[in-house]
Amino acid sequence: MPWASLCEISEVVDGQAKYAEIDGFKLAVFRQGESVFVMDDTCPHAKASMSNGWIDRGCAVCPAHAWAFRLTDGSLRDAPGVMLRTYPARLKTLADGRVLVQANLPGY
């Protein structure tokens, strides 16, 4: 599957997220240092936007009720079996020095 460019790394604040939408995918792009993580933007519990959340101990925290989903696999920290879909993510440096956040999205 091809990689989809979502934003520049400079647009994502460390410890927080940015909303990205591409071809019907509504995504939350989280940054932890120079690592990036991409997951569906809609919390399965309260339907809140995960991109309004933050990172706590390796988890993306939903702003509505503080549900914490692991950045690495989308599993809910306190309730095994509850998941938020995640996507492989990477950083790609362009010739002009800009660094893009990309995600491997199914069917893209």
PDB file of N, CA and C in Angstrom:
ATOM      1  N   MET A   1       0.835  -1.187   0.000  1.00  0.00           N
ATOM      2  CA  MET A   1       0.000   0.000   0.000  1.00  0.00           C
ATOM      3  C   MET A   1       0.876   1.246   0.000  1.00  0.00           C
ATOM      4  N   PRO A   2       0.466   2.245  -0.728  1.00  0.00           N
ATOM      5  CA  PRO A   2       1.251   3.488  -0.740  1.00  0.00           C
ATOM      6  C   PRO A   2       1.074   4.281   0.557  1.00  0.00           C
ATOM      7  N   TRP A   3       2.021   5.123   0.810  1.00  0.00           N
ATOM      8  CA  TRP A   3       1.993   5.977   1.995  1.00  0.00           C
ATOM      9  C   TRP A   3       1.298   7.285   1.671  1.00  0.00           C
ATOM     10  N   ALA A   4       0.404   7.717   2.549  1.00  0.00           N
ATOM     11  CA  ALA A   4      -0.316   8.980   2.380  1.00  0.00           C
ATOM     12  C   ALA A   4       0.336  10.053   3.249  1.00  0.00           C
ATOM     13  N   SER A   5       0.618  11.204   2.679  1.00  0.00           N
ATOM     14  CA  SER A   5       1.173  12.325   3.442  1.00  0.00           C
ATOM     15  C   SER A   5       0.033  13.042   4.160  1.00  0.00           C
ATOM     16  N   LEU A   6       0.176  13.225   5.485  1.00  0.00           N
ATOM     17  CA  LEU A   6      -0.887  13.809   6.299  1.00  0.00           C
ATOM     18  C   LEU A   6      -0.620  15.254   6.696  1.00  0.00           C
ATOM     19  N   CYS A   7       0.622  15.573   7.020  1.00  0.00           N
ATOM     20  CA  CYS A   7       0.984  16.921   7.466  1.00  0.00           C
ATOM     21  C   CYS A   7       2.501  16.986   7.599  1.00  0.00           C
ATOM     22  N   GLU A   8       3.006  18.143   7.973  1.00  0.00           N
ATOM     23  CA  GLU A   8       4.432  18.265   8.301  1.00  0.00           C
ATOM     24  C   GLU A   8       4.606  18.027   9.795  1.00  0.00           C
ATOM     25  N   ILE A   9       5.727  17.449  10.180  1.00  0.00           N
ATOM     26  CA  ILE A   9       5.977  17.161  11.605  1.00  0.00           C
ATOM     27  C   ILE A   9       5.930  18.443  12.434  1.00  0.00           C
ATOM     28  N   SER A  10       6.313  19.568  11.852  1.00  0.00           N
ATOM     29  CA  SER A  10       6.310  20.839  12.580  1.00  0.00           C
ATOM     30  C   SER A  10       4.902  21.299  12.957  1.00  0.00           C
ATOM     31  N   GLU A  11       3.875  20.726  12.340  1.00  0.00           N
ATOM     32  CA  GLU A  11       2.487  21.083  12.638  1.00  0.00           C
ATOM     33  C   GLU A  11       1.930  20.338  13.851  1.00  0.00           C
ATOM     34  N   VAL A  12       2.658  19.348  14.337  1.00  0.00           N
ATOM     35  CA  VAL A  12       2.172  18.524  15.448  1.00  0.00           C
ATOM     36  C   VAL A  12       2.999  18.839  16.694  1.00  0.00           C
ATOM     37  N   VAL A  13       2.341  19.325  17.724  1.00  0.00           N
ATOM     38  CA  VAL A  13       3.016  19.683  18.971  1.00  0.00           C
ATOM     39  C   VAL A  13       3.371  18.405  19.734  1.00  0.00           C
ATOM     40  N   ASP A  14       4.584  18.338  20.237  1.00  0.00           N
ATOM     41  CA  ASP A  14       5.033  17.182  21.015  1.00  0.00           C
ATOM     42  C   ASP A  14       4.089  16.946  22.204  1.00  0.00           C
ATOM     43  N   GLY A  15       3.616  15.716  22.347  1.00  0.00           N
ATOM     44  CA  GLY A  15       2.720  15.362  23.437  1.00  0.00           C
ATOM     45  C   GLY A  15       1.248  15.588  23.125  1.00  0.00           C
ATOM     46  N   GLN A  16       0.973  16.090  21.923  1.00  0.00           N
ATOM     47  CA  GLN A  16      -0.401  16.378  21.523  1.00  0.00           C
ATOM     48  C   GLN A  16      -0.683  15.751  20.154  1.00  0.00           C
ATOM     49  N   ALA A  17      -1.798  16.157  19.558  1.00  0.00           N
ATOM     50  CA  ALA A  17      -2.197  15.585  18.276  1.00  0.00           C
ATOM     51  C   ALA A  17      -2.682  16.657  17.316  1.00  0.00           C
ATOM     52  N   LYS A  18      -2.805  16.252  16.068  1.00  0.00           N
ATOM     53  CA  LYS A  18      -3.345  17.107  15.010  1.00  0.00           C
ATOM     54  C   LYS A  18      -4.350  16.271  14.230  1.00  0.00           C
ATOM     55  N   TYR A  19      -5.435  16.900  13.836  1.00  0.00           N
ATOM     56  CA  TYR A  19      -6.448  16.239  13.025  1.00  0.00           C
ATOM     57  C   TYR A  19      -6.001  16.241  11.569  1.00  0.00           C
ATOM     58  N   ALA A  20      -6.202  15.118  10.897  1.00  0.00           N
ATOM     59  CA  ALA A  20      -5.925  15.022   9.466  1.00  0.00           C
ATOM     60  C   ALA A  20      -7.046  14.220   8.819  1.00  0.00           C
ATOM     61  N   GLU A  21      -7.464  14.655   7.653  1.00  0.00           N
ATOM     62  CA  GLU A  21      -8.501  13.943   6.915  1.00  0.00           C
ATOM     63  C   GLU A  21      -8.035  13.750   5.483  1.00  0.00           C
ATOM     64  N   ILE A  22      -8.143  12.509   5.008  1.00  0.00           N
ATOM     65  CA  ILE A  22      -7.722  12.205   3.646  1.00  0.00           C
ATOM     66  C   ILE A  22      -8.535  11.027   3.124  1.00  0.00           C
ATOM     67  N   ASP A  23      -9.157  11.213   1.989  1.00  0.00           N
ATOM     68  CA  ASP A  23      -9.928  10.153   1.317  1.00  0.00           C
ATOM     69  C   ASP A  23     -10.870   9.398   2.241  1.00  0.00           C
ATOM     70  N   GLY A  24     -11.594  10.123   3.064  1.00  0.00           N
ATOM     71  CA  GLY A  24     -12.579   9.497   3.951  1.00  0.00           C
ATOM     72  C   GLY A  24     -12.022   9.033   5.291  1.00  0.00           C
ATOM     73  N   PHE A  25     -10.718   9.033   5.460  1.00  0.00           N
ATOM     74  CA  PHE A  25     -10.103   8.680   6.738  1.00  0.00           C
ATOM     75  C   PHE A  25     -10.047   9.929   7.611  1.00  0.00           C
ATOM     76  N   LYS A  26     -10.611   9.850   8.809  1.00  0.00           N
ATOM     77  CA  LYS A  26     -10.525  10.928   9.796  1.00  0.00           C
ATOM     78  C   LYS A  26      -9.549  10.444  10.851  1.00  0.00           C
ATOM     79  N   LEU A  27      -8.409  11.132  10.953  1.00  0.00           N
ATOM     80  CA  LEU A  27      -7.275  10.615  11.713  1.00  0.00           C
ATOM     81  C   LEU A  27      -6.776  11.594  12.775  1.00  0.00           C
ATOM     82  N   ALA A  28      -6.186  11.035  13.811  1.00  0.00           N
ATOM     83  CA  ALA A  28      -5.459  11.799  14.817  1.00  0.00           C
ATOM     84  C   ALA A  28      -3.986  11.434  14.669  1.00  0.00           C
ATOM     85  N   VAL A  29      -3.151  12.445  14.489  1.00  0.00           N
ATOM     86  CA  VAL A  29      -1.707  12.258  14.347  1.00  0.00           C
ATOM     87  C   VAL A  29      -1.069  12.709  15.654  1.00  0.00           C
ATOM     88  N   PHE A  30      -0.493  11.782  16.403  1.00  0.00           N
ATOM     89  CA  PHE A  30       0.142  12.093  17.678  1.00  0.00           C
ATOM     90  C   PHE A  30       1.653  12.130  17.511  1.00  0.00           C
ATOM     91  N   ARG A  31       2.286  13.018  18.280  1.00  0.00           N
ATOM     92  CA  ARG A  31       3.750  13.133  18.255  1.00  0.00           C
ATOM     93  C   ARG A  31       4.296  12.956  19.661  1.00  0.00           C
ATOM     94  N   GLN A  32       5.287  12.088  19.757  1.00  0.00           N
ATOM     95  CA  GLN A  32       6.014  11.913  21.015  1.00  0.00           C
ATOM     96  C   GLN A  32       7.494  11.998  20.667  1.00  0.00           C
ATOM     97  N   GLY A  33       8.076  13.173  20.922  1.00  0.00           N
ATOM     98  CA  GLY A  33       9.446  13.425  20.494  1.00  0.00           C
ATOM     99  C   GLY A  33       9.503  13.432  18.979  1.00  0.00           C
ATOM    100  N   GLU A  34      10.366  12.606  18.422  1.00  0.00           N
ATOM    101  CA  GLU A  34      10.456  12.501  16.966  1.00  0.00           C
ATOM    102  C   GLU A  34       9.706  11.282  16.439  1.00  0.00           C
ATOM    103  N   SER A  35       8.898  10.666  17.274  1.00  0.00           N
ATOM    104  CA  SER A  35       8.066   9.538  16.846  1.00  0.00           C
ATOM    105  C   SER A  35       6.650  10.024  16.590  1.00  0.00           C
ATOM    106  N   VAL A  36       6.009   9.433  15.578  1.00  0.00           N
ATOM    107  CA  VAL A  36       4.633   9.785  15.255  1.00  0.00           C
ATOM    108  C   VAL A  36       3.773   8.530  15.246  1.00  0.00           C
ATOM    109  N   PHE A  37       2.500   8.729  15.572  1.00  0.00           N
ATOM    110  CA  PHE A  37       1.534   7.641  15.640  1.00  0.00           C
ATOM    111  C   PHE A  37       0.245   8.142  15.014  1.00  0.00           C
ATOM    112  N   VAL A  38      -0.430   7.274  14.274  1.00  0.00           N
ATOM    113  CA  VAL A  38      -1.660   7.646  13.596  1.00  0.00           C
ATOM    114  C   VAL A  38      -2.755   6.662  13.987  1.00  0.00           C
ATOM    115  N   MET A  39      -3.920   7.207  14.364  1.00  0.00           N
ATOM    116  CA  MET A  39      -5.064   6.368  14.720  1.00  0.00           C
ATOM    117  C   MET A  39      -6.346   7.042  14.257  1.00  0.00           C
ATOM    118  N   ASP A  40      -7.436   6.264  14.260  1.00  0.00           N
ATOM    119  CA  ASP A  40      -8.729   6.856  13.943  1.00  0.00           C
ATOM    120  C   ASP A  40      -9.002   7.990  14.919  1.00  0.00           C
ATOM    121  N   ASP A  41      -9.668   9.023  14.439  1.00  0.00           N
ATOM    122  CA  ASP A  41      -9.901  10.207  15.259  1.00  0.00           C
ATOM    123  C   ASP A  41     -11.089  10.073  16.205  1.00  0.00           C
ATOM    124  N   THR A  42     -11.985   9.141  15.968  1.00  0.00           N
ATOM    125  CA  THR A  42     -13.207   9.057  16.763  1.00  0.00           C
ATOM    126  C   THR A  42     -13.091   8.009  17.864  1.00  0.00           C
ATOM    127  N   CYS A  43     -13.227   8.441  19.106  1.00  0.00           N
ATOM    128  CA  CYS A  43     -13.192   7.531  20.254  1.00  0.00           C
ATOM    129  C   CYS A  43     -14.408   6.597  20.178  1.00  0.00           C
ATOM    130  N   PRO A  44     -14.207   5.295  20.366  1.00  0.00           N
ATOM    131  CA  PRO A  44     -15.334   4.364  20.288  1.00  0.00           C
ATOM    132  C   PRO A  44     -16.304   4.488  21.462  1.00  0.00           C
ATOM    133  N   HIS A  45     -15.914   5.170  22.512  1.00  0.00           N
ATOM    134  CA  HIS A  45     -16.750   5.297  23.704  1.00  0.00           C
ATOM    135  C   HIS A  45     -17.700   6.485  23.600  1.00  0.00           C
ATOM    136  N   ALA A  46     -17.144   7.670  23.482  1.00  0.00           N
ATOM    137  CA  ALA A  46     -17.963   8.885  23.529  1.00  0.00           C
ATOM    138  C   ALA A  46     -18.011   9.622  22.192  1.00  0.00           C
ATOM    139  N   LYS A  47     -17.356   9.054  21.181  1.00  0.00           N
ATOM    140  CA  LYS A  47     -17.313   9.653  19.835  1.00  0.00           C
ATOM    141  C   LYS A  47     -16.601  11.007  19.805  1.00  0.00           C
ATOM    142  N   ALA A  48     -15.820  11.284  20.823  1.00  0.00           N
ATOM    143  CA  ALA A  48     -15.055  12.528  20.872  1.00  0.00           C
ATOM    144  C   ALA A  48     -13.884  12.453  19.894  1.00  0.00           C
ATOM    145  N   SER A  49     -13.365  13.595  19.529  1.00  0.00           N
ATOM    146  CA  SER A  49     -12.226  13.673  18.621  1.00  0.00           C
ATOM    147  C   SER A  49     -10.930  13.424  19.391  1.00  0.00           C
ATOM    148  N   MET A  50     -10.246  12.342  19.041  1.00  0.00           N
ATOM    149  CA  MET A  50      -8.983  12.010  19.697  1.00  0.00           C
ATOM    150  C   MET A  50      -7.920  13.074  19.427  1.00  0.00           C
ATOM    151  N   SER A  51      -8.041  13.796  18.325  1.00  0.00           N
ATOM    152  CA  SER A  51      -7.035  14.813  18.017  1.00  0.00           C
ATOM    153  C   SER A  51      -7.097  15.995  18.978  1.00  0.00           C
ATOM    154  N   ASN A  52      -8.133  16.055  19.811  1.00  0.00           N
ATOM    155  CA  ASN A  52      -8.198  17.064  20.880  1.00  0.00           C
ATOM    156  C   ASN A  52      -7.619  16.528  22.181  1.00  0.00           C
ATOM    157  N   GLY A  53      -7.091  15.319  22.126  1.00  0.00           N
ATOM    158  CA  GLY A  53      -6.523  14.687  23.315  1.00  0.00           C
ATOM    159  C   GLY A  53      -5.046  14.987  23.490  1.00  0.00           C
ATOM    160  N   TRP A  54      -4.387  14.171  24.297  1.00  0.00           N
ATOM    161  CA  TRP A  54      -2.974  14.358  24.628  1.00  0.00           C
ATOM    162  C   TRP A  54      -2.349  12.992  24.874  1.00  0.00           C
ATOM    163  N   ILE A  55      -1.052  12.976  25.096  1.00  0.00           N
ATOM    164  CA  ILE A  55      -0.325  11.732  25.365  1.00  0.00           C
ATOM    165  C   ILE A  55      -0.017  11.646  26.852  1.00  0.00           C
ATOM    166  N   ASP A  56      -0.272  10.462  27.414  1.00  0.00           N
ATOM    167  CA  ASP A  56       0.068  10.181  28.808  1.00  0.00           C
ATOM    168  C   ASP A  56       0.598   8.755  28.898  1.00  0.00           C
ATOM    169  N   ARG A  57       1.837   8.601  29.316  1.00  0.00           N
ATOM    170  CA  ARG A  57       2.465   7.288  29.512  1.00  0.00           C
ATOM    171  C   ARG A  57       2.282   6.360  28.314  1.00  0.00           C
ATOM    172  N   GLY A  58       2.575   6.873  27.133  1.00  0.00           N
ATOM    173  CA  GLY A  58       2.524   6.064  25.932  1.00  0.00           C
ATOM    174  C   GLY A  58       1.141   5.820  25.377  1.00  0.00           C
ATOM    175  N   CYS A  59       0.172   6.568  25.864  1.00  0.00           N
ATOM    176  CA  CYS A  59      -1.209   6.404  25.410  1.00  0.00           C
ATOM    177  C   CYS A  59      -1.789   7.727  24.925  1.00  0.00           C
ATOM    178  N   ALA A  60      -2.666   7.624  23.931  1.00  0.00           N
ATOM    179  CA  ALA A  60      -3.457   8.767  23.479  1.00  0.00           C
ATOM    180  C   ALA A  60      -4.683   8.835  24.378  1.00  0.00           C
ATOM    181  N   VAL A  61      -4.898   9.974  25.004  1.00  0.00           N
ATOM    182  CA  VAL A  61      -5.996  10.120  25.960  1.00  0.00           C
ATOM    183  C   VAL A  61      -7.139  10.897  25.315  1.00  0.00           C
ATOM    184  N   CYS A  62      -8.341  10.298  25.369  1.00  0.00           N
ATOM    185  CA  CYS A  62      -9.530  10.941  24.828  1.00  0.00           C
ATOM    186  C   CYS A  62      -9.920  12.115  25.730  1.00  0.00           C
ATOM    187  N   PRO A  63     -10.244  13.268  25.148  1.00  0.00           N
ATOM    188  CA  PRO A  63     -10.570  14.433  25.953  1.00  0.00           C
ATOM    189  C   PRO A  63     -11.936  14.349  26.643  1.00  0.00           C
ATOM    190  N   ALA A  64     -12.809  13.459  26.202  1.00  0.00           N
ATOM    191  CA  ALA A  64     -14.160  13.395  26.781  1.00  0.00           C
ATOM    192  C   ALA A  64     -14.190  12.721  28.150  1.00  0.00           C
ATOM    193  N   HIS A  65     -13.629  11.518  28.242  1.00  0.00           N
ATOM    194  CA  HIS A  65     -13.690  10.772  29.506  1.00  0.00           C
ATOM    195  C   HIS A  65     -12.350  10.161  29.899  1.00  0.00           C
ATOM    196  N   ALA A  66     -11.276  10.634  29.298  1.00  0.00           N
ATOM    197  CA  ALA A  66      -9.905  10.230  29.636  1.00  0.00           C
ATOM    198  C   ALA A  66      -9.617   8.755  29.381  1.00  0.00           C
ATOM    199  N   TRP A  67     -10.306   8.142  28.426  1.00  0.00           N
ATOM    200  CA  TRP A  67      -9.929   6.785  28.037  1.00  0.00           C
ATOM    201  C   TRP A  67      -8.558   6.869  27.371  1.00  0.00           C
ATOM    202  N   ALA A  68      -7.657   5.966  27.735  1.00  0.00           N
ATOM    203  CA  ALA A  68      -6.281   5.994  27.250  1.00  0.00           C
ATOM    204  C   ALA A  68      -6.005   4.794  26.342  1.00  0.00           C
ATOM    205  N   PHE A  69      -5.708   5.074  25.070  1.00  0.00           N
ATOM    206  CA  PHE A  69      -5.432   4.050  24.076  1.00  0.00           C
ATOM    207  C   PHE A  69      -3.937   4.024  23.779  1.00  0.00           C
ATOM    208  N   ARG A  70      -3.336   2.833  23.808  1.00  0.00           N
ATOM    209  CA  ARG A  70      -1.907   2.711  23.541  1.00  0.00           C
ATOM    210  C   ARG A  70      -1.598   3.214  22.126  1.00  0.00           C
ATOM    211  N   LEU A  71      -0.579   4.059  22.020  1.00  0.00           N
ATOM    212  CA  LEU A  71      -0.183   4.613  20.729  1.00  0.00           C
ATOM    213  C   LEU A  71       0.286   3.523  19.770  1.00  0.00           C
ATOM    214  N   THR A  72       0.891   2.475  20.301  1.00  0.00           N
ATOM    215  CA  THR A  72       1.498   1.451  19.463  1.00  0.00           C
ATOM    216  C   THR A  72       0.494   0.523  18.801  1.00  0.00           C
ATOM    217  N   ASP A  73      -0.607   0.197  19.490  1.00  0.00           N
ATOM    218  CA  ASP A  73      -1.545  -0.772  18.907  1.00  0.00           C
ATOM    219  C   ASP A  73      -3.021  -0.400  19.073  1.00  0.00           C
ATOM    220  N   GLY A  74      -3.320   0.730  19.711  1.00  0.00           N
ATOM    221  CA  GLY A  74      -4.696   1.193  19.852  1.00  0.00           C
ATOM    222  C   GLY A  74      -5.511   0.513  20.931  1.00  0.00           C
ATOM    223  N   SER A  75      -4.897  -0.384  21.708  1.00  0.00           N
ATOM    224  CA  SER A  75      -5.655  -1.064  22.756  1.00  0.00           C
ATOM    225  C   SER A  75      -5.880  -0.134  23.947  1.00  0.00           C
ATOM    226  N   LEU A  76      -7.035  -0.280  24.577  1.00  0.00           N
ATOM    227  CA  LEU A  76      -7.370   0.538  25.737  1.00  0.00           C
ATOM    228  C   LEU A  76      -6.537   0.067  26.921  1.00  0.00           C
ATOM    229  N   ARG A  77      -5.846   1.005  27.578  1.00  0.00           N
ATOM    230  CA  ARG A  77      -4.929   0.662  28.660  1.00  0.00           C
ATOM    231  C   ARG A  77      -5.628  -0.090  29.786  1.00  0.00           C
ATOM    232  N   ASP A  78      -6.852   0.296  30.138  1.00  0.00           N
ATOM    233  CA  ASP A  78      -7.512  -0.273  31.307  1.00  0.00           C
ATOM    234  C   ASP A  78      -8.581  -1.315  30.999  1.00  0.00           C
ATOM    235  N   ALA A  79      -8.770  -1.656  29.726  1.00  0.00           N
ATOM    236  CA  ALA A  79      -9.808  -2.639  29.378  1.00  0.00           C
ATOM    237  C   ALA A  79      -9.398  -3.409  28.128  1.00  0.00           C
ATOM    238  N   PRO A  80      -8.742  -4.537  28.300  1.00  0.00           N
ATOM    239  CA  PRO A  80      -8.340  -5.331  27.137  1.00  0.00           C
ATOM    240  C   PRO A  80      -9.558  -5.660  26.269  1.00  0.00           C
ATOM    241  N   GLY A  81      -9.359  -5.632  24.981  1.00  0.00           N
ATOM    242  CA  GLY A  81     -10.433  -5.937  24.047  1.00  0.00           C
ATOM    243  C   GLY A  81     -11.055  -4.710  23.408  1.00  0.00           C
ATOM    244  N   VAL A  82     -10.942  -3.556  24.048  1.00  0.00           N
ATOM    245  CA  VAL A  82     -11.438  -2.316  23.449  1.00  0.00           C
ATOM    246  C   VAL A  82     -10.291  -1.729  22.637  1.00  0.00           C
ATOM    247  N   MET A  83     -10.572  -1.436  21.365  1.00  0.00           N
ATOM    248  CA  MET A  83      -9.503  -1.002  20.464  1.00  0.00           C
ATOM    249  C   MET A  83      -9.887   0.261  19.690  1.00  0.00           C
ATOM    250  N   LEU A  84      -8.877   0.985  19.320  1.00  0.00           N
ATOM    251  CA  LEU A  84      -8.997   2.113  18.393  1.00  0.00           C
ATOM    252  C   LEU A  84      -8.018   1.784  17.265  1.00  0.00           C
ATOM    253  N   ARG A  85      -8.463   1.836  16.032  1.00  0.00           N
ATOM    254  CA  ARG A  85      -7.611   1.419  14.918  1.00  0.00           C
ATOM    255  C   ARG A  85      -6.415   2.349  14.762  1.00  0.00           C
ATOM    256  N   THR A  86      -5.254   1.734  14.615  1.00  0.00           N
ATOM    257  CA  THR A  86      -4.014   2.468  14.364  1.00  0.00           C
ATOM    258  C   THR A  86      -3.502   2.112  12.974  1.00  0.00           C
ATOM    259  N   TYR A  87      -2.602   2.943  12.475  1.00  0.00           N
ATOM    260  CA  TYR A  87      -2.038   2.755  11.140  1.00  0.00           C
ATOM    261  C   TYR A  87      -0.521   2.920  11.223  1.00  0.00           C
ATOM    262  N   PRO A  88       0.226   2.130  10.435  1.00  0.00           N
ATOM    263  CA  PRO A  88       1.680   2.343  10.403  1.00  0.00           C
ATOM    264  C   PRO A  88       1.972   3.786  10.006  1.00  0.00           C
ATOM    265  N   ALA A  89       2.937   4.394  10.686  1.00  0.00           N
ATOM    266  CA  ALA A  89       3.294   5.790  10.423  1.00  0.00           C
ATOM    267  C   ALA A  89       4.805   5.918  10.286  1.00  0.00           C
ATOM    268  N   ARG A  90       5.207   6.916   9.531  1.00  0.00           N
ATOM    269  CA  ARG A  90       6.638   7.186   9.356  1.00  0.00           C
ATOM    270  C   ARG A  90       6.843   8.662   9.063  1.00  0.00           C
ATOM    271  N   LEU A  91       8.106   9.074   9.178  1.00  0.00           N
ATOM    272  CA  LEU A  91       8.514  10.424   8.792  1.00  0.00           C
ATOM    273  C   LEU A  91       9.290  10.323   7.491  1.00  0.00           C
ATOM    274  N   LYS A  92       9.012  11.237   6.570  1.00  0.00           N
ATOM    275  CA  LYS A  92       9.722  11.254   5.287  1.00  0.00           C
ATOM    276  C   LYS A  92      10.305  12.643   5.077  1.00  0.00           C
ATOM    277  N   THR A  93      11.617  12.709   4.941  1.00  0.00           N
ATOM    278  CA  THR A  93      12.302  13.980   4.711  1.00  0.00           C
ATOM    279  C   THR A  93      12.376  14.253   3.215  1.00  0.00           C
ATOM    280  N   LEU A  94      11.910  15.425   2.819  1.00  0.00           N
ATOM    281  CA  LEU A  94      11.944  15.832   1.419  1.00  0.00           C
ATOM    282  C   LEU A  94      13.270  16.518   1.093  1.00  0.00           C
ATOM    283  N   ALA A  95      13.535  16.665  -0.186  1.00  0.00           N
ATOM    284  CA  ALA A  95      14.782  17.291  -0.636  1.00  0.00           C
ATOM    285  C   ALA A  95      14.939  18.706  -0.101  1.00  0.00           C
ATOM    286  N   ASP A  96      13.818  19.412   0.120  1.00  0.00           N
ATOM    287  CA  ASP A  96      13.894  20.788   0.618  1.00  0.00           C
ATOM    288  C   ASP A  96      14.012  20.861   2.144  1.00  0.00           C
ATOM    289  N   GLY A  97      14.112  19.704   2.803  1.00  0.00           N
ATOM    290  CA  GLY A  97      14.301  19.668   4.253  1.00  0.00           C
ATOM    291  C   GLY A  97      13.027  19.514   5.057  1.00  0.00           C
ATOM    292  N   ARG A  98      11.873  19.701   4.441  1.00  0.00           N
ATOM    293  CA  ARG A  98      10.615  19.507   5.171  1.00  0.00           C
ATOM    294  C   ARG A  98      10.455  18.036   5.523  1.00  0.00           C
ATOM    295  N   VAL A  99       9.834  17.788   6.673  1.00  0.00           N
ATOM    296  CA  VAL A  99       9.617  16.416   7.129  1.00  0.00           C
ATOM    297  C   VAL A  99       8.115  16.168   7.193  1.00  0.00           C
ATOM    298  N   LEU A 100       7.659  15.192   6.414  1.00  0.00           N
ATOM    299  CA  LEU A 100       6.243  14.860   6.352  1.00  0.00           C
ATOM    300  C   LEU A 100       5.909  13.682   7.252  1.00  0.00           C
ATOM    301  N   VAL A 101       4.713  13.719   7.835  1.00  0.00           N
ATOM    302  CA  VAL A 101       4.161  12.570   8.536  1.00  0.00           C
ATOM    303  C   VAL A 101       3.343  11.803   7.512  1.00  0.00           C
ATOM    304  N   GLN A 102       3.631  10.522   7.380  1.00  0.00           N
ATOM    305  CA  GLN A 102       2.901   9.695   6.433  1.00  0.00           C
ATOM    306  C   GLN A 102       2.294   8.487   7.161  1.00  0.00           C
ATOM    307  N   ALA A 103       1.192   7.992   6.620  1.00  0.00           N
ATOM    308  CA  ALA A 103       0.538   6.808   7.175  1.00  0.00           C
ATOM    309  C   ALA A 103       0.243   5.837   6.045  1.00  0.00           C
ATOM    310  N   ASN A 104       0.320   4.558   6.357  1.00  0.00           N
ATOM    311  CA  ASN A 104      -0.013   3.512   5.412  1.00  0.00           C
ATOM    312  C   ASN A 104      -1.476   3.165   5.624  1.00  0.00           C
ATOM    313  N   LEU A 105      -2.331   3.672   4.746  1.00  0.00           N
ATOM    314  CA  LEU A 105      -3.774   3.525   4.882  1.00  0.00           C
ATOM    315  C   LEU A 105      -4.296   2.465   3.920  1.00  0.00           C
ATOM    316  N   PRO A 106      -5.162   1.570   4.400  1.00  0.00           N
ATOM    317  CA  PRO A 106      -5.677   0.517   3.524  1.00  0.00           C
ATOM    318  C   PRO A 106      -6.521   1.104   2.393  1.00  0.00           C
ATOM    319  N   GLY A 107      -6.278   0.609   1.189  1.00  0.00           N
ATOM    320  CA  GLY A 107      -7.059   1.055   0.051  1.00  0.00           C
ATOM    321  C   GLY A 107      -6.722   2.424  -0.473  1.00  0.00           C
ATOM    322  N   TYR A 108      -5.705   3.071   0.114  1.00  0.00           N
ATOM    323  CA  TYR A 108      -5.336   4.423  -0.332  1.00  0.00           C
ATOM    324  C   TYR A 108      -4.567   4.345  -1.617  1.00  0.00           C
TER     325      TYR A 108
END
